[in-house]
């Protein structure tokens, strides 16, 4: 009898130990499992693990719809990409996208492929929408947008800078160069500083732990998270200060923080769902959907904004090659053929404007010289173009640049000859605009002596 009781008891004990083991190892992992890690712990681990990932694939689906009174606008974007971050200073991506947008019964489609290697980008449009309302403008500017179809275009900062300066006759400012680098794949200084600011900040909170699921063949934790509005609002002063530092002249206003608080209050919670690998702690999926009632912002306004975003990630740290495409046309060559007629007329207009500026400058110099002669009985004497002409012209203007003779306007020494002077500008038309005590004259050849002409 004793043996009969012992055997079932032993079986129960062994079963209990086995069940305990299943819970402890999370082989069986219900939401009530006492050994189940806290959601915040999993999300924090995911954040760190994703920083270590070197390569991954992603698919993105984004839909946006706005309905305001009777007007409706819809846009949908789908894309699939591969990313290689093995070299942090030379991040590579490749993929394809499909964009559909429309309003008032009209729908337009745009599709293409992209490759980015560091700050050099390549793109090719495979589908170009028919835009009848823009056709006359393109035709007027002699632009054929369909030259873009199925043609790989290479864009890099140096080529764009050279093309801009040579074609438009203007130098890029350091700020413009920095923005160009960011646009073509370089890390934005703003982005880097924002990442530093958000480091270790709880910008989201876990609202609900949902039942585990499987993404592909991977078992995943499933959570509902929400944007931590209080944390975001608390960061606003620092974000505004950062904006001021990165954009000189930007003013910080307390009203902006108050407006952000009011926006969050009226818009409600921003909620998303995330799926995180149970073993590898990697992010496999993110789902976000938000509807905003416009009447909460303006009583007289009727309408809504709906946003939906789904991101799927896979192929973590799997090898794949991202190489520049073949049969590539440099951006400067493409722009010449794509916008040749329009650019030619625009460049001509800019050259004419700079020549008009040169003539106006020399006209002012002539006036200042004549006033000097009247008051002092002689012209200003100098071996080279003087930097000022007394009170009549405290600072002598310089050539606007990009012409044949950049820098100071040209001058023939009149030292010892106070009754004469000769100055001129090189025009981009190929001629020379000269001034002297005789007046003004446009010449075919530059002056060679104080007689000017």
Protein backbone atom coordinates (compact mmCIF):
# COMPACT_ATOMS: atom_id res chain seq x y z
CA UNK A 1 0.00 0.00 0.00
CA UNK A 2 2.81 2.36 0.91
CA UNK A 3 4.55 1.63 -2.40
CA UNK A 4 1.35 2.28 -4.32
CA UNK A 5 1.04 5.76 -2.76
CA UNK A 6 4.76 6.57 -3.24
CA UNK A 7 4.78 5.99 -7.01
CA UNK A 8 2.01 8.49 -7.88
CA UNK A 9 3.51 10.98 -5.45
CA UNK A 10 6.88 10.60 -7.15
CA UNK A 11 5.25 11.09 -10.52
CA UNK A 12 3.55 14.27 -9.31
CA UNK A 13 6.83 15.59 -7.91
CA UNK A 14 8.68 14.83 -11.14
CA UNK A 15 5.90 16.42 -13.18
CA UNK A 16 6.04 19.49 -10.97
CA UNK A 17 9.79 19.70 -11.39
CA UNK A 18 9.42 19.28 -15.14
CA UNK A 19 6.70 21.93 -15.30
CA UNK A 20 8.87 24.23 -13.19
CA UNK A 21 11.73 23.60 -15.61
CA UNK A 22 9.53 24.43 -18.61
CA UNK A 23 8.57 27.74 -16.99
CA UNK A 24 12.13 28.51 -15.89
CA UNK A 25 13.61 27.85 -19.34
CA UNK A 26 10.58 29.56 -20.95
CA UNK A 27 9.95 26.53 -23.10
CA UNK A 28 6.41 27.02 -21.88
CA UNK A 29 6.02 30.74 -21.45
CA UNK A 30 2.49 31.99 -20.67
CA UNK A 31 1.99 35.62 -19.74
CA UNK A 32 1.70 34.65 -16.05
CA UNK A 33 5.08 32.86 -16.06
CA UNK A 34 6.90 34.16 -12.93
CA UNK A 35 10.23 33.75 -14.73
CA UNK A 36 9.13 35.80 -17.72
CA UNK A 37 11.27 38.96 -18.08
CA UNK A 38 9.64 42.36 -17.68
CA UNK A 39 8.58 44.06 -20.95
CA UNK A 40 10.75 47.12 -20.22
CA UNK A 41 13.75 44.83 -19.80
CA UNK A 42 13.09 43.19 -23.18
CA UNK A 43 12.64 46.53 -24.97
CA UNK A 44 15.81 47.97 -23.42
CA UNK A 45 17.72 44.85 -24.50
CA UNK A 46 16.26 45.18 -28.01
CA UNK A 47 17.41 48.79 -28.24
CA UNK A 48 20.98 47.79 -27.45
CA UNK A 49 20.98 44.68 -29.66
CA UNK A 50 19.72 46.61 -32.68
CA UNK A 51 22.71 48.95 -32.37
CA UNK A 52 24.98 45.94 -32.86
CA UNK A 53 23.27 44.68 -36.02
CA UNK A 54 25.44 45.23 -39.10
CA UNK A 55 23.16 44.07 -41.92
CA UNK A 56 19.42 43.61 -42.22
CA UNK A 57 16.52 43.68 -44.64
CA UNK A 58 13.41 45.77 -44.17
CA UNK A 59 10.03 46.19 -45.77
CA UNK A 60 8.01 49.34 -45.16
CA UNK A 61 4.36 50.11 -45.85
CA UNK A 62 3.13 53.62 -45.08
CA UNK A 63 -0.34 54.98 -45.79
CA UNK A 64 -1.52 58.51 -45.22
CA UNK A 65 -4.99 59.90 -45.72
CA UNK A 66 -6.43 63.30 -44.97
CA UNK A 67 -10.06 64.23 -45.31
CA UNK A 68 -10.86 67.89 -44.77
CA UNK A 69 -14.46 68.87 -45.40
CA UNK A 70 -15.10 67.35 -48.85
CA UNK A 71 -11.46 67.22 -49.93
CA UNK A 72 -9.58 63.90 -49.73
CA UNK A 73 -5.89 63.24 -50.29
CA UNK A 74 -4.37 59.74 -50.11
CA UNK A 75 -0.79 58.54 -50.34
CA UNK A 76 0.70 55.08 -50.01
CA UNK A 77 4.35 54.04 -50.05
CA UNK A 78 5.77 50.51 -50.14
CA UNK A 79 9.45 49.72 -50.13
CA UNK A 80 11.90 46.90 -49.61
CA UNK A 81 15.51 47.60 -48.61
CA UNK A 82 18.75 45.99 -47.58
CA UNK A 83 21.09 47.90 -45.28
CA UNK A 84 24.78 47.29 -44.54
CA UNK A 85 26.24 49.20 -41.58
CA UNK A 86 29.46 47.22 -41.37
CA UNK A 87 31.39 50.45 -41.99
CA UNK A 88 29.78 53.17 -39.90
CA UNK A 89 31.21 55.92 -42.13
CA UNK A 90 30.17 54.16 -45.33
CA UNK A 91 26.63 52.88 -44.80
CA UNK A 92 25.15 51.10 -47.81
CA UNK A 93 21.52 50.56 -48.79
CA UNK A 94 19.69 49.24 -51.80
CA UNK A 95 16.02 48.75 -52.51
CA UNK A 96 12.96 49.64 -54.48
CA UNK A 97 9.85 51.68 -53.78
CA UNK A 98 6.33 52.20 -55.05
CA UNK A 99 4.45 55.43 -54.39
CA UNK A 100 0.75 55.96 -55.12
CA UNK A 101 -0.97 59.26 -54.41
CA UNK A 102 -4.17 60.85 -55.48
CA UNK A 103 -7.00 63.26 -54.83
CA UNK A 104 -10.42 64.06 -56.22
CA UNK A 105 -10.69 60.93 -58.37
CA UNK A 106 -7.12 61.17 -59.75
CA UNK A 107 -4.39 58.64 -59.00
CA UNK A 108 -0.68 58.82 -59.81
CA UNK A 109 2.02 56.18 -59.52
CA UNK A 110 5.77 56.53 -59.11
CA UNK A 111 8.18 53.62 -58.71
CA UNK A 112 11.91 53.15 -58.77
CA UNK A 113 15.09 51.69 -57.34
CA UNK A 114 17.78 53.24 -55.18
CA UNK A 115 21.33 52.44 -54.09
CA UNK A 116 23.28 54.48 -51.55
CA UNK A 117 26.96 53.97 -50.75
CA UNK A 118 28.20 56.49 -48.22
CA UNK A 119 27.35 59.94 -49.56
CA UNK A 120 26.94 58.73 -53.15
CA UNK A 121 23.43 57.86 -54.29
CA UNK A 122 22.04 56.18 -57.37
CA UNK A 123 18.40 56.16 -58.42
CA UNK A 124 16.32 54.90 -61.30
CA UNK A 125 12.64 55.55 -61.93
CA UNK A 126 10.81 52.59 -63.44
CA UNK A 127 7.35 54.18 -63.40
CA UNK A 128 6.71 57.88 -63.97
CA UNK A 129 3.25 59.34 -63.42
CA UNK A 130 1.42 61.18 -66.15
CA UNK A 131 0.98 64.74 -64.91
CA UNK A 132 -1.20 66.54 -67.45
CA UNK A 133 -1.50 69.69 -65.32
CA UNK A 134 2.31 70.08 -65.25
CA UNK A 135 2.94 69.12 -68.87
CA UNK A 136 2.69 72.69 -70.26
CA UNK A 137 5.17 73.98 -67.66
CA UNK A 138 7.71 71.26 -68.46
CA UNK A 139 7.28 71.93 -72.15
CA UNK A 140 7.73 75.67 -71.63
CA UNK A 141 10.98 75.04 -69.74
CA UNK A 142 12.08 72.48 -72.36
CA UNK A 143 12.20 69.67 -69.75
CA UNK A 144 11.49 66.05 -70.67
CA UNK A 145 10.86 64.19 -67.40
CA UNK A 146 10.56 60.87 -69.23
CA UNK A 147 14.31 60.85 -69.82
CA UNK A 148 14.46 59.67 -66.21
CA UNK A 149 12.71 56.38 -66.93
CA UNK A 150 14.90 53.26 -66.57
CA UNK A 151 18.11 55.33 -66.42
CA UNK A 152 20.43 55.04 -63.43
CA UNK A 153 21.57 58.47 -62.24
CA UNK A 154 24.62 58.91 -60.01
CA UNK A 155 24.51 61.76 -57.48
CA UNK A 156 27.46 62.66 -55.27
CA UNK A 157 28.17 65.89 -53.37
CA UNK A 158 31.32 66.82 -55.27
CA UNK A 159 29.70 66.45 -58.70
CA UNK A 160 26.64 68.43 -57.64
CA UNK A 161 28.84 71.14 -56.16
CA UNK A 162 30.92 71.40 -59.34
CA UNK A 163 27.84 71.43 -61.55
CA UNK A 164 26.15 74.08 -59.41
CA UNK A 165 29.15 76.38 -59.38
CA UNK A 166 30.01 75.98 -63.06
CA UNK A 167 26.47 76.13 -64.36
CA UNK A 168 24.84 78.66 -62.07
CA UNK A 169 27.97 80.69 -61.46
CA UNK A 170 27.64 80.66 -57.67
CA UNK A 171 29.65 78.99 -54.93
CA UNK A 172 27.99 76.74 -52.40
CA UNK A 173 28.09 78.09 -48.87
CA UNK A 174 29.48 75.78 -46.14
CA UNK A 175 25.92 75.40 -44.81
CA UNK A 176 24.67 74.35 -48.25
CA UNK A 177 27.51 71.81 -48.58
CA UNK A 178 26.67 70.32 -45.17
CA UNK A 179 22.99 70.02 -46.10
CA UNK A 180 23.94 68.39 -49.38
CA UNK A 181 26.07 65.80 -47.57
CA UNK A 182 23.18 65.03 -45.23
CA UNK A 183 20.70 64.77 -48.09
CA UNK A 184 22.86 62.26 -49.94
CA UNK A 185 23.39 59.87 -47.07
CA UNK A 186 25.75 61.49 -44.62
CA UNK A 187 24.70 61.55 -40.98
CA UNK A 188 23.03 64.81 -40.13
CA UNK A 189 24.62 66.79 -37.33
CA UNK A 190 21.10 67.44 -36.16
CA UNK A 191 20.31 63.71 -36.17
CA UNK A 192 23.47 62.88 -34.24
CA UNK A 193 22.77 65.46 -31.55
CA UNK A 194 19.14 64.38 -31.23
CA UNK A 195 20.28 60.77 -30.79
CA UNK A 196 22.62 61.91 -28.03
CA UNK A 197 19.82 63.87 -26.39
CA UNK A 198 17.45 60.88 -26.48
CA UNK A 199 20.07 58.46 -25.12
CA UNK A 200 18.68 56.61 -22.08
CA UNK A 201 15.43 58.59 -22.23
CA UNK A 202 12.13 56.71 -21.83
CA UNK A 203 10.36 58.16 -24.83
CA UNK A 204 7.84 55.29 -24.84
CA UNK A 205 6.06 53.24 -22.20
CA UNK A 206 4.69 49.70 -22.33
CA UNK A 207 0.90 49.80 -22.16
CA UNK A 208 0.11 46.13 -22.53
CA UNK A 209 1.82 42.77 -22.81
CA UNK A 210 0.14 40.77 -25.56
CA UNK A 211 0.27 37.01 -26.21
CA UNK A 212 3.47 35.72 -27.80
CA UNK A 213 3.41 35.13 -31.53
CA UNK A 214 5.60 33.78 -34.30
CA UNK A 215 7.05 35.97 -37.06
CA UNK A 216 8.22 33.67 -39.80
CA UNK A 217 9.92 30.93 -37.81
CA UNK A 218 10.92 33.16 -34.92
CA UNK A 219 9.06 33.19 -31.62
CA UNK A 220 8.54 36.75 -30.48
CA UNK A 221 7.32 38.83 -27.57
CA UNK A 222 4.45 41.10 -28.49
CA UNK A 223 3.90 44.46 -26.76
CA UNK A 224 1.71 47.49 -27.13
CA UNK A 225 3.68 50.67 -26.47
CA UNK A 226 2.79 54.35 -26.39
CA UNK A 227 4.75 57.53 -26.82
CA UNK A 228 5.69 58.94 -23.43
CA UNK A 229 4.18 62.38 -23.89
CA UNK A 230 5.38 63.70 -20.54
CA UNK A 231 8.97 62.75 -21.38
CA UNK A 232 8.75 64.31 -24.83
CA UNK A 233 7.30 67.55 -23.47
CA UNK A 234 10.00 67.58 -20.80
CA UNK A 235 12.63 67.35 -23.53
CA UNK A 236 11.17 70.25 -25.52
CA UNK A 237 13.34 72.99 -23.96
CA UNK A 238 16.49 71.01 -24.82
CA UNK A 239 15.21 70.23 -28.32
CA UNK A 240 14.43 73.89 -28.94
CA UNK A 241 17.82 74.93 -27.62
CA UNK A 242 19.43 72.38 -29.93
CA UNK A 243 17.45 73.84 -32.83
CA UNK A 244 18.67 77.30 -31.93
CA UNK A 245 22.31 76.14 -31.82
CA UNK A 246 22.12 74.34 -35.17
CA UNK A 247 20.15 77.10 -36.88
CA UNK A 248 21.58 80.48 -36.03
CA UNK A 249 18.99 83.16 -35.58
CA UNK A 250 16.22 80.77 -34.54
CA UNK A 251 14.40 82.07 -31.50
CA UNK A 252 13.04 79.87 -28.72
CA UNK A 253 9.52 80.64 -27.62
CA UNK A 254 7.70 79.28 -24.58
CA UNK A 255 4.55 79.21 -26.71
CA UNK A 256 6.04 76.37 -28.77
CA UNK A 257 6.22 74.12 -25.70
CA UNK A 258 2.69 75.06 -24.72
CA UNK A 259 1.51 74.33 -28.26
CA UNK A 260 3.16 70.89 -28.11
CA UNK A 261 1.38 70.14 -24.82
CA UNK A 262 -1.91 71.23 -26.36
CA UNK A 263 -1.29 69.10 -29.45
CA UNK A 264 -0.66 65.93 -27.42
CA UNK A 265 -3.69 66.63 -25.27
CA UNK A 266 -5.98 66.98 -28.29
CA UNK A 267 -4.41 64.29 -30.47
CA UNK A 268 -4.52 61.60 -27.78
CA UNK A 269 -2.14 58.66 -27.37
CA UNK A 270 0.25 57.56 -30.09
CA UNK A 271 0.20 53.78 -29.84
CA UNK A 272 2.25 51.14 -31.65
CA UNK A 273 2.85 47.41 -31.42
CA UNK A 274 6.28 45.78 -31.50
CA UNK A 275 7.39 42.20 -31.96
CA UNK A 276 10.77 41.27 -30.39
CA UNK A 277 12.63 37.98 -30.76
CA UNK A 278 12.49 35.84 -27.60
CA UNK A 279 16.00 34.51 -28.05
CA UNK A 280 17.93 37.16 -29.95
CA UNK A 281 16.08 40.24 -28.58
CA UNK A 282 15.91 41.79 -32.07
CA UNK A 283 13.06 43.86 -33.44
CA UNK A 284 11.13 41.93 -36.09
CA UNK A 285 8.08 44.09 -36.62
CA UNK A 286 6.57 47.48 -35.78
CA UNK A 287 2.97 48.46 -36.40
CA UNK A 288 1.62 51.98 -35.92
CA UNK A 289 -1.79 53.44 -36.66
CA UNK A 290 -3.18 56.83 -35.67
CA UNK A 291 -6.31 58.79 -36.47
CA UNK A 292 -6.50 62.48 -35.59
CA UNK A 293 -9.84 64.27 -35.43
CA UNK A 294 -9.30 67.76 -36.89
CA UNK A 295 -12.38 69.14 -35.17
CA UNK A 296 -10.55 68.91 -31.85
CA UNK A 297 -8.11 71.54 -33.08
CA UNK A 298 -10.57 73.82 -34.85
CA UNK A 299 -14.26 73.63 -33.99
CA UNK A 300 -15.26 74.76 -37.46
CA UNK A 301 -12.98 72.17 -39.06
CA UNK A 302 -14.39 68.83 -40.14
CA UNK A 303 -12.14 65.99 -41.13
CA UNK A 304 -9.49 63.56 -40.05
CA UNK A 305 -5.94 62.45 -40.66
CA UNK A 306 -5.16 58.73 -40.70
CA UNK A 307 -1.62 57.35 -40.66
CA UNK A 308 -0.58 53.70 -40.83
CA UNK A 309 2.95 52.35 -40.76
CA UNK A 310 4.18 48.75 -40.82
CA UNK A 311 7.87 47.87 -40.73
CA UNK A 312 9.15 44.29 -41.00
CA UNK A 313 12.83 43.49 -40.33
CA UNK A 314 14.65 40.28 -41.20
CA UNK A 315 17.94 38.72 -42.36
CA UNK A 316 19.91 40.14 -39.46
CA UNK A 317 23.69 40.00 -39.98
CA UNK A 318 23.32 37.88 -43.11
CA UNK A 319 25.86 38.66 -45.84
CA UNK A 320 24.75 40.42 -49.00
CA UNK A 321 26.48 42.65 -51.53
CA UNK A 322 25.55 46.19 -52.31
CA UNK A 323 27.37 47.49 -55.37
CA UNK A 324 27.03 50.50 -57.65
CA UNK A 325 24.72 49.77 -60.60
CA UNK A 326 26.08 49.57 -64.13
CA UNK A 327 25.20 51.84 -67.06
CA UNK A 328 25.16 54.92 -64.85
CA UNK A 329 24.86 58.50 -66.07
CA UNK A 330 26.54 61.19 -63.90
CA UNK A 331 24.11 63.74 -62.53
CA UNK A 332 25.81 66.68 -64.26
CA UNK A 333 25.56 64.96 -67.65
CA UNK A 334 21.95 64.06 -67.00
CA UNK A 335 21.01 67.57 -65.91
CA UNK A 336 22.55 69.03 -69.04
CA UNK A 337 20.38 66.86 -71.25
CA UNK A 338 17.32 66.84 -68.96
CA UNK A 339 17.12 70.58 -68.33
CA UNK A 340 19.43 71.88 -71.02
CA UNK A 341 17.13 74.51 -72.53
CA UNK A 342 15.83 75.75 -69.20
CA UNK A 343 19.28 75.86 -67.62
CA UNK A 344 20.71 77.68 -70.61
CA UNK A 345 18.15 80.45 -70.32
CA UNK A 346 18.55 80.58 -66.53
CA UNK A 347 22.34 80.75 -66.74
CA UNK A 348 22.08 83.45 -69.39
CA UNK A 349 19.78 85.48 -67.15
CA UNK A 350 22.18 85.13 -64.20
CA UNK A 351 25.14 86.24 -66.34
CA UNK A 352 23.21 89.23 -67.57
CA UNK A 353 22.28 90.10 -63.99
CA UNK A 354 25.93 89.95 -62.90
CA UNK A 355 26.97 92.12 -65.86
CA UNK A 356 24.27 94.63 -64.93
CA UNK A 357 25.68 94.66 -61.40
CA UNK A 358 29.19 95.34 -62.76
CA UNK A 359 27.94 98.26 -64.82
CA UNK A 360 26.05 99.69 -61.85
CA UNK A 361 29.11 99.36 -59.61
CA UNK A 362 31.34 101.16 -62.09
CA UNK A 363 28.68 103.85 -62.54
CA UNK A 364 28.79 104.49 -58.78
CA UNK A 365 32.61 104.55 -58.84
CA UNK A 366 32.50 107.08 -61.68
CA UNK A 367 30.11 109.29 -59.71
CA UNK A 368 32.34 109.13 -56.60
CA UNK A 369 35.43 109.99 -58.67
CA UNK A 370 33.70 112.99 -60.26
CA UNK A 371 32.58 114.28 -56.85
CA UNK A 372 36.17 113.93 -55.62
CA UNK A 373 37.40 115.93 -58.60
CA UNK A 374 34.86 118.71 -57.96
CA UNK A 375 35.73 118.99 -54.27
CA UNK A 376 39.51 118.48 -54.44
CA UNK A 377 40.46 119.48 -57.99
CA UNK A 378 41.71 116.04 -58.92
CA UNK A 379 40.82 112.35 -59.04
CA UNK A 380 41.93 109.81 -56.44
CA UNK A 381 45.40 108.55 -57.38
CA UNK A 382 46.32 104.91 -56.88
CA UNK A 383 48.50 102.18 -58.34
CA UNK A 384 45.63 99.70 -58.10
CA UNK A 385 41.89 99.78 -57.57
CA UNK A 386 41.50 101.76 -54.32
CA UNK A 387 39.60 100.16 -51.44
CA UNK A 388 37.65 103.35 -50.76
CA UNK A 389 36.97 106.76 -52.32
CA UNK A 390 36.78 108.88 -49.20
CA UNK A 391 33.40 109.81 -47.84
CA UNK A 392 31.84 109.40 -51.28
CA UNK A 393 32.42 105.64 -51.30
CA UNK A 394 33.79 104.24 -47.99
CA UNK A 395 34.09 100.79 -49.56
CA UNK A 396 34.62 100.23 -53.27
CA UNK A 397 32.50 97.28 -54.51
CA UNK A 398 34.15 94.17 -55.89
CA UNK A 399 33.30 92.07 -58.91
CA UNK A 400 30.29 89.81 -58.12
CA UNK A 401 32.39 86.83 -59.19
CA UNK A 402 32.15 83.92 -61.64
CA UNK A 403 33.24 86.20 -64.47
CA UNK A 404 36.54 86.40 -66.40
CA UNK A 405 38.11 88.79 -63.84
CA UNK A 406 36.97 87.93 -60.27
CA UNK A 407 38.10 89.97 -57.29
CA UNK A 408 38.62 93.72 -57.54
CA UNK A 409 37.63 95.64 -60.62
CA UNK A 410 40.52 96.45 -62.96
CA UNK A 411 42.49 99.72 -62.65
CA UNK A 412 45.40 101.37 -64.47
CA UNK A 413 47.76 103.32 -62.20
CA UNK A 414 47.20 107.07 -62.36
CA UNK A 415 49.79 108.08 -59.78
CA UNK A 416 51.10 111.48 -60.88
CA UNK A 417 48.15 112.03 -63.20
CA UNK A 418 45.30 113.46 -61.08
CA UNK A 419 43.45 114.60 -64.21
CA UNK A 420 42.96 111.06 -65.50
CA UNK A 421 41.82 107.60 -64.38
CA UNK A 422 40.79 104.35 -66.04
CA UNK A 423 38.89 101.42 -64.53
CA UNK A 424 36.96 98.58 -66.09
CA UNK A 425 35.14 95.31 -65.54
CA UNK A 426 35.29 92.10 -67.53
CA UNK A 427 31.79 91.28 -68.71
CA UNK A 428 30.58 87.71 -69.13
CA UNK A 429 29.30 88.73 -72.54
CA UNK A 430 32.96 88.80 -73.60
CA UNK A 431 33.27 92.59 -73.70
CA UNK A 432 34.76 95.15 -71.26
CA UNK A 433 32.93 97.97 -69.51
CA UNK A 434 35.25 100.92 -68.88
CA UNK A 435 34.97 104.23 -67.06
CA UNK A 436 37.28 107.23 -67.19
CA UNK A 437 37.20 111.01 -66.98
CA UNK A 438 35.67 110.78 -70.48
CA UNK A 439 32.62 108.85 -69.26
CA UNK A 440 31.70 105.21 -69.92
CA UNK A 441 32.20 102.89 -72.86
CA UNK A 442 31.79 99.21 -73.69
CA UNK A 443 34.91 97.87 -75.41
CA UNK A 444 35.88 94.81 -77.39
CA UNK A 445 39.38 94.78 -75.87
CA UNK A 446 40.61 95.68 -72.37
CA UNK A 447 42.25 99.10 -71.88
CA UNK A 448 46.04 99.08 -71.99
CA UNK A 449 46.91 102.64 -70.90
CA UNK A 450 45.56 105.57 -68.93
CA UNK A 451 43.80 106.96 -72.01
CA UNK A 452 41.44 104.00 -71.53
CA UNK A 453 40.06 104.21 -75.11
